[in-house]
PDB file of all heavy atoms in Angstrom:
ATOM      1  N   CYS A   1     -46.297  -3.981  13.054  1.00  0.00           N
ATOM      2  CA  CYS A   1     -47.755  -4.049  13.078  1.00  0.00           C
ATOM      3  C   CYS A   1     -48.264  -2.631  13.332  1.00  0.00           C
ATOM      4  O   CYS A   1     -47.484  -1.704  13.560  1.00  0.00           O
ATOM      5  CB  CYS A   1     -48.243  -5.011  14.167  1.00  0.00           C
ATOM      6  SG  CYS A   1     -47.705  -4.569  15.830  1.00  0.00           S
ATOM      7  N   SER A   2     -49.577  -2.458  13.314  1.00  0.00           N
ATOM      8  CA  SER A   2     -50.143  -1.122  13.489  1.00  0.00           C
ATOM      9  C   SER A   2     -49.803  -0.550  14.866  1.00  0.00           C
ATOM     10  O   SER A   2     -49.552   0.646  15.007  1.00  0.00           O
ATOM     11  CB  SER A   2     -51.657  -1.150  13.281  1.00  0.00           C
ATOM     12  OG  SER A   2     -52.281  -2.044  14.205  1.00  0.00           O
ATOM     13  N   GLU A   3     -49.779  -1.412  15.891  1.00  0.00           N
ATOM     14  CA  GLU A   3     -49.451  -0.946  17.239  1.00  0.00           C
ATOM     15  C   GLU A   3     -47.998  -0.486  17.314  1.00  0.00           C
ATOM     16  O   GLU A   3     -47.688   0.512  17.970  1.00  0.00           O
ATOM     17  CB  GLU A   3     -49.696  -2.061  18.263  1.00  0.00           C
ATOM     18  CG  GLU A   3     -51.150  -2.384  18.512  1.00  0.00           C
ATOM     19  CD  GLU A   3     -51.741  -3.306  17.438  1.00  0.00           C
ATOM     20  OE1 GLU A   3     -50.978  -3.784  16.563  1.00  0.00           O
ATOM     21  OE2 GLU A   3     -52.949  -3.549  17.484  1.00  0.00           O
ATOM     22  N   ALA A   4     -47.117  -1.214  16.630  1.00  0.00           N
ATOM     23  CA  ALA A   4     -45.705  -0.821  16.617  1.00  0.00           C
ATOM     24  C   ALA A   4     -45.525   0.510  15.889  1.00  0.00           C
ATOM     25  O   ALA A   4     -44.733   1.361  16.311  1.00  0.00           O
ATOM     26  CB  ALA A   4     -44.863  -1.913  15.951  1.00  0.00           C
ATOM     27  N   GLU A   5     -46.269   0.697  14.816  1.00  0.00           N
ATOM     28  CA  GLU A   5     -46.191   1.956  14.070  1.00  0.00           C
ATOM     29  C   GLU A   5     -46.723   3.116  14.906  1.00  0.00           C
ATOM     30  O   GLU A   5     -46.169   4.217  14.887  1.00  0.00           O
ATOM     31  CB  GLU A   5     -46.985   1.833  12.763  1.00  0.00           C
ATOM     32  CG  GLU A   5     -46.337   0.877  11.755  1.00  0.00           C
ATOM     33  CD  GLU A   5     -47.209   0.649  10.538  1.00  0.00           C
ATOM     34  OE1 GLU A   5     -48.296   1.266  10.464  1.00  0.00           O
ATOM     35  OE2 GLU A   5     -46.806  -0.137   9.662  1.00  0.00           O
ATOM     36  N   MET A   6     -47.804   2.868  15.639  1.00  0.00           N
ATOM     37  CA  MET A   6     -48.359   3.902  16.510  1.00  0.00           C
ATOM     38  C   MET A   6     -47.355   4.279  17.594  1.00  0.00           C
ATOM     39  O   MET A   6     -47.138   5.471  17.870  1.00  0.00           O
ATOM     40  CB  MET A   6     -49.664   3.401  17.152  1.00  0.00           C
ATOM     41  CG  MET A   6     -50.328   4.419  18.084  1.00  0.00           C
ATOM     42  SD  MET A   6     -49.725   4.386  19.803  1.00  0.00           S
ATOM     43  CE  MET A   6     -50.384   2.825  20.357  1.00  0.00           C
ATOM     44  N   TYR A   7     -46.725   3.284  18.202  1.00  0.00           N
ATOM     45  CA  TYR A   7     -45.756   3.545  19.261  1.00  0.00           C
ATOM     46  C   TYR A   7     -44.557   4.321  18.723  1.00  0.00           C
ATOM     47  O   TYR A   7     -44.065   5.258  19.351  1.00  0.00           O
ATOM     48  CB  TYR A   7     -45.293   2.237  19.897  1.00  0.00           C
ATOM     49  CG  TYR A   7     -44.383   2.451  21.079  1.00  0.00           C
ATOM     50  CD1 TYR A   7     -44.906   2.747  22.336  1.00  0.00           C
ATOM     51  CD2 TYR A   7     -43.000   2.371  20.947  1.00  0.00           C
ATOM     52  CE1 TYR A   7     -44.072   2.965  23.429  1.00  0.00           C
ATOM     53  CE2 TYR A   7     -42.161   2.590  22.026  1.00  0.00           C
ATOM     54  CZ  TYR A   7     -42.703   2.876  23.264  1.00  0.00           C
ATOM     55  OH  TYR A   7     -41.867   3.103  24.338  1.00  0.00           O
ATOM     56  N   SER A   8     -44.103   3.943  17.542  1.00  0.00           N
ATOM     57  CA  SER A   8     -42.966   4.629  16.916  1.00  0.00           C
ATOM     58  C   SER A   8     -43.305   6.091  16.633  1.00  0.00           C
ATOM     59  O   SER A   8     -42.491   6.993  16.871  1.00  0.00           O
ATOM     60  CB  SER A   8     -42.562   3.919  15.620  1.00  0.00           C
ATOM     61  OG  SER A   8     -41.453   4.555  15.025  1.00  0.00           O
ATOM     62  N   LYS A   9     -44.511   6.323  16.154  1.00  0.00           N
ATOM     63  CA  LYS A   9     -44.950   7.699  15.891  1.00  0.00           C
ATOM     64  C   LYS A   9     -45.055   8.493  17.188  1.00  0.00           C
ATOM     65  O   LYS A   9     -44.708   9.681  17.242  1.00  0.00           O
ATOM     66  CB  LYS A   9     -46.305   7.684  15.172  1.00  0.00           C
ATOM     67  CG  LYS A   9     -46.821   9.064  14.797  1.00  0.00           C
ATOM     68  CD  LYS A   9     -48.140   8.978  14.031  1.00  0.00           C
ATOM     69  CE  LYS A   9     -48.654  10.374  13.658  1.00  0.00           C
ATOM     70  NZ  LYS A   9     -49.946  10.301  12.929  1.00  0.00           N
ATOM     71  N   HIS A  10     -45.523   7.836  18.233  1.00  0.00           N
ATOM     72  CA  HIS A  10     -45.710   8.489  19.528  1.00  0.00           C
ATOM     73  C   HIS A  10     -44.369   8.881  20.152  1.00  0.00           C
ATOM     74  O   HIS A  10     -44.244   9.953  20.747  1.00  0.00           O
ATOM     75  CB  HIS A  10     -46.456   7.535  20.472  1.00  0.00           C
ATOM     76  CG  HIS A  10     -46.702   8.088  21.845  1.00  0.00           C
ATOM     77  ND1 HIS A  10     -47.817   8.847  22.154  1.00  0.00           N
ATOM     78  CD2 HIS A  10     -45.987   7.994  22.993  1.00  0.00           C
ATOM     79  CE1 HIS A  10     -47.776   9.189  23.428  1.00  0.00           C
ATOM     80  NE2 HIS A  10     -46.672   8.687  23.963  1.00  0.00           N
ATOM     81  N   THR A  11     -43.369   8.016  20.014  1.00  0.00           N
ATOM     82  CA  THR A  11     -42.095   8.226  20.700  1.00  0.00           C
ATOM     83  C   THR A  11     -40.977   8.749  19.817  1.00  0.00           C
ATOM     84  O   THR A  11     -39.991   9.293  20.318  1.00  0.00           O
ATOM     85  CB  THR A  11     -41.603   6.904  21.318  1.00  0.00           C
ATOM     86  OG1 THR A  11     -41.388   5.943  20.268  1.00  0.00           O
ATOM     87  CG2 THR A  11     -42.628   6.365  22.316  1.00  0.00           C
ATOM     88  N   GLY A  12     -41.101   8.536  18.506  1.00  0.00           N
ATOM     89  CA  GLY A  12     -40.014   8.909  17.604  1.00  0.00           C
ATOM     90  C   GLY A  12     -38.908   7.879  17.555  1.00  0.00           C
ATOM     91  O   GLY A  12     -37.857   8.112  16.948  1.00  0.00           O
ATOM     92  N   ILE A  13     -39.129   6.723  18.156  1.00  0.00           N
ATOM     93  CA  ILE A  13     -38.118   5.661  18.177  1.00  0.00           C
ATOM     94  C   ILE A  13     -38.460   4.607  17.132  1.00  0.00           C
ATOM     95  O   ILE A  13     -39.579   4.083  17.106  1.00  0.00           O
ATOM     96  CB  ILE A  13     -38.029   5.001  19.563  1.00  0.00           C
ATOM     97  CG1 ILE A  13     -37.544   6.026  20.599  1.00  0.00           C
ATOM     98  CG2 ILE A  13     -37.099   3.797  19.538  1.00  0.00           C
ATOM     99  CD1 ILE A  13     -37.497   5.493  22.009  1.00  0.00           C
ATOM    100  N   THR A  14     -37.498   4.278  16.273  1.00  0.00           N
ATOM    101  CA  THR A  14     -37.683   3.231  15.277  1.00  0.00           C
ATOM    102  C   THR A  14     -37.215   1.909  15.872  1.00  0.00           C
ATOM    103  O   THR A  14     -36.052   1.770  16.256  1.00  0.00           O
ATOM    104  CB  THR A  14     -36.870   3.528  14.006  1.00  0.00           C
ATOM    105  OG1 THR A  14     -37.298   4.782  13.470  1.00  0.00           O
ATOM    106  CG2 THR A  14     -37.078   2.435  12.967  1.00  0.00           C
ATOM    107  N   PRO A  15     -38.091   0.919  15.983  1.00  0.00           N
ATOM    108  CA  PRO A  15     -37.695  -0.350  16.596  1.00  0.00           C
ATOM    109  C   PRO A  15     -36.807  -1.187  15.676  1.00  0.00           C
ATOM    110  O   PRO A  15     -36.820  -1.030  14.455  1.00  0.00           O
ATOM    111  CB  PRO A  15     -39.033  -1.050  16.835  1.00  0.00           C
ATOM    112  CG  PRO A  15     -39.928  -0.519  15.758  1.00  0.00           C
ATOM    113  CD  PRO A  15     -39.510   0.918  15.571  1.00  0.00           C
ATOM    114  N   VAL A  16     -36.040  -2.058  16.297  1.00  0.00           N
ATOM    115  CA  VAL A  16     -35.246  -3.037  15.563  1.00  0.00           C
ATOM    116  C   VAL A  16     -36.050  -4.336  15.517  1.00  0.00           C
ATOM    117  O   VAL A  16     -36.482  -4.836  16.557  1.00  0.00           O
ATOM    118  CB  VAL A  16     -33.892  -3.285  16.251  1.00  0.00           C
ATOM    119  CG1 VAL A  16     -33.127  -4.398  15.545  1.00  0.00           C
ATOM    120  CG2 VAL A  16     -33.077  -2.005  16.284  1.00  0.00           C
ATOM    121  N   VAL A  17     -36.287  -4.850  14.327  1.00  0.00           N
ATOM    122  CA  VAL A  17     -37.053  -6.090  14.169  1.00  0.00           C
ATOM    123  C   VAL A  17     -36.088  -7.267  14.141  1.00  0.00           C
ATOM    124  O   VAL A  17     -35.170  -7.329  13.315  1.00  0.00           O
ATOM    125  CB  VAL A  17     -37.892  -6.072  12.873  1.00  0.00           C
ATOM    126  CG1 VAL A  17     -38.683  -7.368  12.739  1.00  0.00           C
ATOM    127  CG2 VAL A  17     -38.829  -4.868  12.860  1.00  0.00           C
ATOM    128  N   ILE A  18     -36.277  -8.199  15.082  1.00  0.00           N
ATOM    129  CA  ILE A  18     -35.483  -9.420  15.087  1.00  0.00           C
ATOM    130  C   ILE A  18     -36.428 -10.605  14.907  1.00  0.00           C
ATOM    131  O   ILE A  18     -37.619 -10.520  15.206  1.00  0.00           O
ATOM    132  CB  ILE A  18     -34.656  -9.577  16.373  1.00  0.00           C
ATOM    133  CG1 ILE A  18     -35.559  -9.624  17.616  1.00  0.00           C
ATOM    134  CG2 ILE A  18     -33.645  -8.438  16.496  1.00  0.00           C
ATOM    135  CD1 ILE A  18     -34.786  -9.882  18.905  1.00  0.00           C
ATOM    136  N   LYS A  19     -35.907 -11.704  14.415  1.00  0.00           N
ATOM    137  CA  LYS A  19     -36.747 -12.843  14.047  1.00  0.00           C
ATOM    138  C   LYS A  19     -37.432 -13.473  15.244  1.00  0.00           C
ATOM    139  O   LYS A  19     -38.610 -13.854  15.176  1.00  0.00           O
ATOM    140  CB  LYS A  19     -35.898 -13.887  13.312  1.00  0.00           C
ATOM    141  CG  LYS A  19     -36.699 -15.055  12.780  1.00  0.00           C
ATOM    142  CD  LYS A  19     -35.820 -16.014  11.994  1.00  0.00           C
ATOM    143  CE  LYS A  19     -36.617 -17.190  11.440  1.00  0.00           C
ATOM    144  NZ  LYS A  19     -35.767 -18.134  10.680  1.00  0.00           N
ATOM    145  N   ASP A  20     -36.720 -13.597  16.351  1.00  0.00           N
ATOM    146  CA  ASP A  20     -37.247 -14.308  17.515  1.00  0.00           C
ATOM    147  C   ASP A  20     -36.892 -13.545  18.783  1.00  0.00           C
ATOM    148  O   ASP A  20     -35.730 -13.504  19.194  1.00  0.00           O
ATOM    149  CB  ASP A  20     -36.658 -15.722  17.560  1.00  0.00           C
ATOM    150  CG  ASP A  20     -37.210 -16.549  18.714  1.00  0.00           C
ATOM    151  OD1 ASP A  20     -38.107 -16.067  19.425  1.00  0.00           O
ATOM    152  OD2 ASP A  20     -36.736 -17.688  18.910  1.00  0.00           O
ATOM    153  N   LEU A  21     -37.886 -12.939  19.414  1.00  0.00           N
ATOM    154  CA  LEU A  21     -37.648 -12.164  20.624  1.00  0.00           C
ATOM    155  C   LEU A  21     -37.127 -13.038  21.762  1.00  0.00           C
ATOM    156  O   LEU A  21     -36.420 -12.564  22.654  1.00  0.00           O
ATOM    157  CB  LEU A  21     -38.947 -11.465  21.043  1.00  0.00           C
ATOM    158  CG  LEU A  21     -38.833 -10.174  21.876  1.00  0.00           C
ATOM    159  CD1 LEU A  21     -37.935  -9.158  21.193  1.00  0.00           C
ATOM    160  CD2 LEU A  21     -40.210  -9.581  22.121  1.00  0.00           C
ATOM    161  N   LYS A  22     -37.445 -14.315  21.714  1.00  0.00           N
ATOM    162  CA  LYS A  22     -36.981 -15.224  22.754  1.00  0.00           C
ATOM    163  C   LYS A  22     -35.470 -15.446  22.696  1.00  0.00           C
ATOM    164  O   LYS A  22     -34.868 -15.923  23.664  1.00  0.00           O
ATOM    165  CB  LYS A  22     -37.720 -16.562  22.658  1.00  0.00           C
ATOM    166  CG  LYS A  22     -39.193 -16.462  23.057  1.00  0.00           C
ATOM    167  CD  LYS A  22     -39.970 -17.727  22.711  1.00  0.00           C
ATOM    168  CE  LYS A  22     -39.588 -18.896  23.587  1.00  0.00           C
ATOM    169  NZ  LYS A  22     -40.025 -18.700  24.993  1.00  0.00           N
ATOM    170  N   SER A  23     -34.853 -15.075  21.580  1.00  0.00           N
ATOM    171  CA  SER A  23     -33.403 -15.222  21.469  1.00  0.00           C
ATOM    172  C   SER A  23     -32.671 -14.281  22.416  1.00  0.00           C
ATOM    173  O   SER A  23     -31.491 -14.488  22.725  1.00  0.00           O
ATOM    174  CB  SER A  23     -32.951 -14.959  20.029  1.00  0.00           C
ATOM    175  OG  SER A  23     -33.163 -13.592  19.676  1.00  0.00           O
ATOM    176  N   ILE A  24     -33.368 -13.240  22.892  1.00  0.00           N
ATOM    177  CA  ILE A  24     -32.760 -12.322  23.861  1.00  0.00           C
ATOM    178  C   ILE A  24     -32.293 -13.068  25.103  1.00  0.00           C
ATOM    179  O   ILE A  24     -31.255 -12.755  25.685  1.00  0.00           O
ATOM    180  CB  ILE A  24     -33.773 -11.218  24.240  1.00  0.00           C
ATOM    181  CG1 ILE A  24     -33.959 -10.238  23.083  1.00  0.00           C
ATOM    182  CG2 ILE A  24     -33.324 -10.452  25.481  1.00  0.00           C
ATOM    183  CD1 ILE A  24     -35.010  -9.186  23.334  1.00  0.00           C
ATOM    184  N   ALA A  25     -33.062 -14.079  25.495  1.00  0.00           N
ATOM    185  CA  ALA A  25     -32.765 -14.798  26.731  1.00  0.00           C
ATOM    186  C   ALA A  25     -31.425 -15.533  26.704  1.00  0.00           C
ATOM    187  O   ALA A  25     -30.896 -15.887  27.762  1.00  0.00           O
ATOM    188  CB  ALA A  25     -33.891 -15.788  27.041  1.00  0.00           C
ATOM    189  N   VAL A  26     -30.868 -15.736  25.529  1.00  0.00           N
ATOM    190  CA  VAL A  26     -29.589 -16.457  25.440  1.00  0.00           C
ATOM    191  C   VAL A  26     -28.481 -15.576  24.862  1.00  0.00           C
ATOM    192  O   VAL A  26     -27.421 -16.072  24.495  1.00  0.00           O
ATOM    193  CB  VAL A  26     -29.732 -17.747  24.596  1.00  0.00           C
ATOM    194  CG1 VAL A  26     -30.637 -18.736  25.315  1.00  0.00           C
ATOM    195  CG2 VAL A  26     -30.292 -17.448  23.203  1.00  0.00           C
ATOM    196  N   MET A  27     -28.717 -14.262  24.777  1.00  0.00           N
ATOM    197  CA  MET A  27     -27.655 -13.373  24.304  1.00  0.00           C
ATOM    198  C   MET A  27     -26.493 -13.400  25.298  1.00  0.00           C
ATOM    199  O   MET A  27     -26.703 -13.273  26.512  1.00  0.00           O
ATOM    200  CB  MET A  27     -28.193 -11.956  24.132  1.00  0.00           C
ATOM    201  CG  MET A  27     -29.058 -11.786  22.894  1.00  0.00           C
ATOM    202  SD  MET A  27     -29.628 -10.055  22.678  1.00  0.00           S
ATOM    203  CE  MET A  27     -30.300 -10.149  21.014  1.00  0.00           C
ATOM    204  N   PRO A  28     -25.275 -13.566  24.816  1.00  0.00           N
ATOM    205  CA  PRO A  28     -24.124 -13.858  25.691  1.00  0.00           C
ATOM    206  C   PRO A  28     -23.757 -12.791  26.713  1.00  0.00           C
ATOM    207  O   PRO A  28     -23.347 -13.122  27.825  1.00  0.00           O
ATOM    208  CB  PRO A  28     -22.984 -14.076  24.698  1.00  0.00           C
ATOM    209  CG  PRO A  28     -23.404 -13.355  23.448  1.00  0.00           C
ATOM    210  CD  PRO A  28     -24.890 -13.527  23.391  1.00  0.00           C
ATOM    211  N   GLU A  29     -23.888 -11.511  26.374  1.00  0.00           N
ATOM    212  CA  GLU A  29     -23.436 -10.463  27.289  1.00  0.00           C
ATOM    213  C   GLU A  29     -24.585  -9.630  27.852  1.00  0.00           C
ATOM    214  O   GLU A  29     -24.363  -8.602  28.480  1.00  0.00           O
ATOM    215  CB  GLU A  29     -22.417  -9.562  26.579  1.00  0.00           C
ATOM    216  CG  GLU A  29     -21.151 -10.315  26.190  1.00  0.00           C
ATOM    217  CD  GLU A  29     -20.154  -9.436  25.458  1.00  0.00           C
ATOM    218  OE1 GLU A  29     -20.221  -8.203  25.606  1.00  0.00           O
ATOM    219  OE2 GLU A  29     -19.299  -9.982  24.738  1.00  0.00           O
ATOM    220  N   LEU A  30     -25.814 -10.095  27.633  1.00  0.00           N
ATOM    221  CA  LEU A  30     -26.993  -9.389  28.126  1.00  0.00           C
ATOM    222  C   LEU A  30     -27.424  -9.980  29.460  1.00  0.00           C
ATOM    223  O   LEU A  30     -27.729 -11.170  29.548  1.00  0.00           O
ATOM    224  CB  LEU A  30     -28.130  -9.487  27.105  1.00  0.00           C
ATOM    225  CG  LEU A  30     -29.394  -8.686  27.404  1.00  0.00           C
ATOM    226  CD1 LEU A  30     -29.081  -7.190  27.418  1.00  0.00           C
ATOM    227  CD2 LEU A  30     -30.478  -8.991  26.371  1.00  0.00           C
ATOM    228  N   LYS A  31     -27.436  -9.158  30.493  1.00  0.00           N
ATOM    229  CA  LYS A  31     -27.785  -9.619  31.836  1.00  0.00           C
ATOM    230  C   LYS A  31     -29.229  -9.310  32.214  1.00  0.00           C
ATOM    231  O   LYS A  31     -29.762  -9.866  33.168  1.00  0.00           O
ATOM    232  CB  LYS A  31     -26.848  -8.977  32.862  1.00  0.00           C
ATOM    233  CG  LYS A  31     -25.368  -9.173  32.571  1.00  0.00           C
ATOM    234  CD  LYS A  31     -25.006 -10.641  32.464  1.00  0.00           C
ATOM    235  CE  LYS A  31     -23.513 -10.817  32.185  1.00  0.00           C
ATOM    236  NZ  LYS A  31     -23.170 -12.252  31.987  1.00  0.00           N
ATOM    237  N   GLY A  32     -29.866  -8.413  31.474  1.00  0.00           N
ATOM    238  CA  GLY A  32     -31.240  -8.036  31.762  1.00  0.00           C
ATOM    239  C   GLY A  32     -31.685  -6.975  30.780  1.00  0.00           C
ATOM    240  O   GLY A  32     -30.898  -6.499  29.955  1.00  0.00           O
ATOM    241  N   CYS A  33     -32.958  -6.606  30.838  1.00  0.00           N
ATOM    242  CA  CYS A  33     -33.508  -5.573  29.954  1.00  0.00           C
ATOM    243  C   CYS A  33     -34.096  -4.448  30.797  1.00  0.00           C
ATOM    244  O   CYS A  33     -34.537  -4.674  31.924  1.00  0.00           O
ATOM    245  CB  CYS A  33     -34.581  -6.166  29.044  1.00  0.00           C
ATOM    246  SG  CYS A  33     -33.936  -7.391  27.878  1.00  0.00           S
ATOM    247  N   ILE A  34     -34.124  -3.259  30.228  1.00  0.00           N
ATOM    248  CA  ILE A  34     -34.599  -2.103  30.983  1.00  0.00           C
ATOM    249  C   ILE A  34     -36.074  -2.268  31.320  1.00  0.00           C
ATOM    250  O   ILE A  34     -36.496  -2.104  32.463  1.00  0.00           O
ATOM    251  CB  ILE A  34     -34.366  -0.804  30.196  1.00  0.00           C
ATOM    252  CG1 ILE A  34     -32.868  -0.619  29.933  1.00  0.00           C
ATOM    253  CG2 ILE A  34     -34.918   0.391  30.971  1.00  0.00           C
ATOM    254  CD1 ILE A  34     -32.552   0.487  28.971  1.00  0.00           C
ATOM    255  N   LYS A  35     -36.864  -2.579  30.299  1.00  0.00           N
ATOM    256  CA  LYS A  35     -38.286  -2.836  30.549  1.00  0.00           C
ATOM    257  C   LYS A  35     -38.890  -3.522  29.341  1.00  0.00           C
ATOM    258  O   LYS A  35     -38.340  -3.484  28.234  1.00  0.00           O
ATOM    259  CB  LYS A  35     -39.046  -1.543  30.841  1.00  0.00           C
ATOM    260  CG  LYS A  35     -39.280  -0.645  29.628  1.00  0.00           C
ATOM    261  CD  LYS A  35     -40.168   0.543  29.986  1.00  0.00           C
ATOM    262  CE  LYS A  35     -40.412   1.447  28.772  1.00  0.00           C
ATOM    263  NZ  LYS A  35     -41.239   2.621  29.107  1.00  0.00           N
ATOM    264  N   GLY A  36     -40.034  -4.148  29.564  1.00  0.00           N
ATOM    265  CA  GLY A  36     -40.842  -4.674  28.473  1.00  0.00           C
ATOM    266  C   GLY A  36     -42.133  -3.874  28.426  1.00  0.00           C
ATOM    267  O   GLY A  36     -42.502  -3.188  29.390  1.00  0.00           O
ATOM    268  N   MET A  37     -42.824  -3.961  27.294  1.00  0.00           N
ATOM    269  CA  MET A  37     -44.086  -3.230  27.174  1.00  0.00           C
ATOM    270  C   MET A  37     -45.045  -3.939  26.227  1.00  0.00           C
ATOM    271  O   MET A  37     -44.660  -4.336  25.128  1.00  0.00           O
ATOM    272  CB  MET A  37     -43.842  -1.801  26.667  1.00  0.00           C
ATOM    273  CG  MET A  37     -45.131  -1.023  26.446  1.00  0.00           C
ATOM    274  SD  MET A  37     -44.858   0.572  25.668  1.00  0.00           S
ATOM    275  CE  MET A  37     -44.215   1.491  27.050  1.00  0.00           C
ATOM    276  N   PHE A  38     -46.281  -4.096  26.677  1.00  0.00           N
ATOM    277  CA  PHE A  38     -47.368  -4.532  25.813  1.00  0.00           C
ATOM    278  C   PHE A  38     -48.063  -3.275  25.300  1.00  0.00           C
ATOM    279  O   PHE A  38     -48.392  -2.386  26.087  1.00  0.00           O
ATOM    280  CB  PHE A  38     -48.375  -5.380  26.579  1.00  0.00           C
ATOM    281  CG  PHE A  38     -47.836  -6.699  27.071  1.00  0.00           C
ATOM    282  CD1 PHE A  38     -47.276  -6.800  28.338  1.00  0.00           C
ATOM    283  CD2 PHE A  38     -47.879  -7.823  26.267  1.00  0.00           C
ATOM    284  CE1 PHE A  38     -46.781  -8.002  28.805  1.00  0.00           C
ATOM    285  CE2 PHE A  38     -47.386  -9.045  26.720  1.00  0.00           C
ATOM    286  CZ  PHE A  38     -46.828  -9.127  27.994  1.00  0.00           C
ATOM    287  N   VAL A  39     -48.257  -3.192  24.004  1.00  0.00           N
ATOM    288  CA  VAL A  39     -49.051  -2.106  23.421  1.00  0.00           C
ATOM    289  C   VAL A  39     -50.372  -2.752  23.035  1.00  0.00           C
ATOM    290  O   VAL A  39     -50.471  -3.469  22.038  1.00  0.00           O
ATOM    291  CB  VAL A  39     -48.345  -1.473  22.208  1.00  0.00           C
ATOM    292  CG1 VAL A  39     -49.172  -0.318  21.657  1.00  0.00           C
ATOM    293  CG2 VAL A  39     -46.952  -0.987  22.599  1.00  0.00           C
ATOM    294  N   VAL A  40     -51.407  -2.496  23.844  1.00  0.00           N
ATOM    295  CA  VAL A  40     -52.608  -3.307  23.756  1.00  0.00           C
ATOM    296  C   VAL A  40     -53.822  -2.549  24.280  1.00  0.00           C
ATOM    297  O   VAL A  40     -53.714  -1.667  25.138  1.00  0.00           O
ATOM    298  CB  VAL A  40     -52.400  -4.614  24.565  1.00  0.00           C
ATOM    299  CG1 VAL A  40     -52.168  -4.314  26.034  1.00  0.00           C
ATOM    300  CG2 VAL A  40     -53.540  -5.582  24.395  1.00  0.00           C
ATOM    301  N   ASP A  41     -54.978  -2.901  23.759  1.00  0.00           N
ATOM    302  CA  ASP A  41     -56.234  -2.307  24.186  1.00  0.00           C
ATOM    303  C   ASP A  41     -56.443  -2.547  25.691  1.00  0.00           C
ATOM    304  O   ASP A  41     -56.136  -3.628  26.203  1.00  0.00           O
ATOM    305  CB  ASP A  41     -57.393  -2.949  23.401  1.00  0.00           C
ATOM    306  CG  ASP A  41     -58.702  -2.231  23.635  1.00  0.00           C
ATOM    307  OD1 ASP A  41     -59.349  -2.507  24.662  1.00  0.00           O
ATOM    308  OD2 ASP A  41     -59.070  -1.390  22.795  1.00  0.00           O
ATOM    309  N   PRO A  42     -56.951  -1.560  26.414  1.00  0.00           N
ATOM    310  CA  PRO A  42     -57.154  -1.707  27.859  1.00  0.00           C
ATOM    311  C   PRO A  42     -57.990  -2.919  28.265  1.00  0.00           C
ATOM    312  O   PRO A  42     -57.820  -3.436  29.371  1.00  0.00           O
ATOM    313  CB  PRO A  42     -57.866  -0.397  28.241  1.00  0.00           C
ATOM    314  CG  PRO A  42     -57.379   0.594  27.235  1.00  0.00           C
ATOM    315  CD  PRO A  42     -57.257  -0.177  25.946  1.00  0.00           C
ATOM    316  N   CYS A  43     -58.873  -3.382  27.394  1.00  0.00           N
ATOM    317  CA  CYS A  43     -59.738  -4.512  27.755  1.00  0.00           C
ATOM    318  C   CYS A  43     -58.950  -5.809  27.948  1.00  0.00           C
ATOM    319  O   CYS A  43     -59.457  -6.760  28.552  1.00  0.00           O
ATOM    320  CB  CYS A  43     -60.830  -4.703  26.707  1.00  0.00           C
ATOM    321  SG  CYS A  43     -60.254  -5.277  25.100  1.00  0.00           S
ATOM    322  N   VAL A  44     -57.744  -5.883  27.450  1.00  0.00           N
ATOM    323  CA  VAL A  44     -56.919  -7.094  27.569  1.00  0.00           C
ATOM    324  C   VAL A  44     -55.934  -6.982  28.734  1.00  0.00           C
ATOM    325  O   VAL A  44     -55.342  -7.961  29.158  1.00  0.00           O
ATOM    326  CB  VAL A  44     -56.144  -7.351  26.251  1.00  0.00           C
ATOM    327  CG1 VAL A  44     -55.413  -8.687  26.287  1.00  0.00           C
ATOM    328  CG2 VAL A  44     -57.086  -7.299  25.056  1.00  0.00           C
ATOM    329  N   GLN A  45     -55.801  -5.795  29.282  1.00  0.00           N
ATOM    330  CA  GLN A  45     -54.736  -5.558  30.252  1.00  0.00           C
ATOM    331  C   GLN A  45     -54.904  -6.322  31.559  1.00  0.00           C
ATOM    332  O   GLN A  45     -53.919  -6.772  32.158  1.00  0.00           O
ATOM    333  CB  GLN A  45     -54.588  -4.056  30.501  1.00  0.00           C
ATOM    334  CG  GLN A  45     -54.074  -3.314  29.272  1.00  0.00           C
ATOM    335  CD  GLN A  45     -53.990  -1.808  29.468  1.00  0.00           C
ATOM    336  OE1 GLN A  45     -54.112  -1.307  30.591  1.00  0.00           O
ATOM    337  NE2 GLN A  45     -53.783  -1.073  28.390  1.00  0.00           N
ATOM    338  N   ASP A  46     -56.134  -6.518  32.004  1.00  0.00           N
ATOM    339  CA  ASP A  46     -56.353  -7.258  33.246  1.00  0.00           C
ATOM    340  C   ASP A  46     -55.877  -8.701  33.117  1.00  0.00           C
ATOM    341  O   ASP A  46     -55.291  -9.257  34.058  1.00  0.00           O
ATOM    342  CB  ASP A  46     -57.826  -7.226  33.648  1.00  0.00           C
ATOM    343  CG  ASP A  46     -58.250  -5.874  34.218  1.00  0.00           C
ATOM    344  OD1 ASP A  46     -57.352  -5.069  34.544  1.00  0.00           O
ATOM    345  OD2 ASP A  46     -59.468  -5.639  34.324  1.00  0.00           O
TER     346      ASP A  46
END
């Protein structure tokens, strides 16, 4: 999406697109994630 493209341009990191982000919760050898991030207008942040 446009926010993902903006973030990629800002950081230089190309994201990996997976079909269902919720599938992370059942990945067999994954115990946790470093961080999550919402890329969103400040008016929605509260």
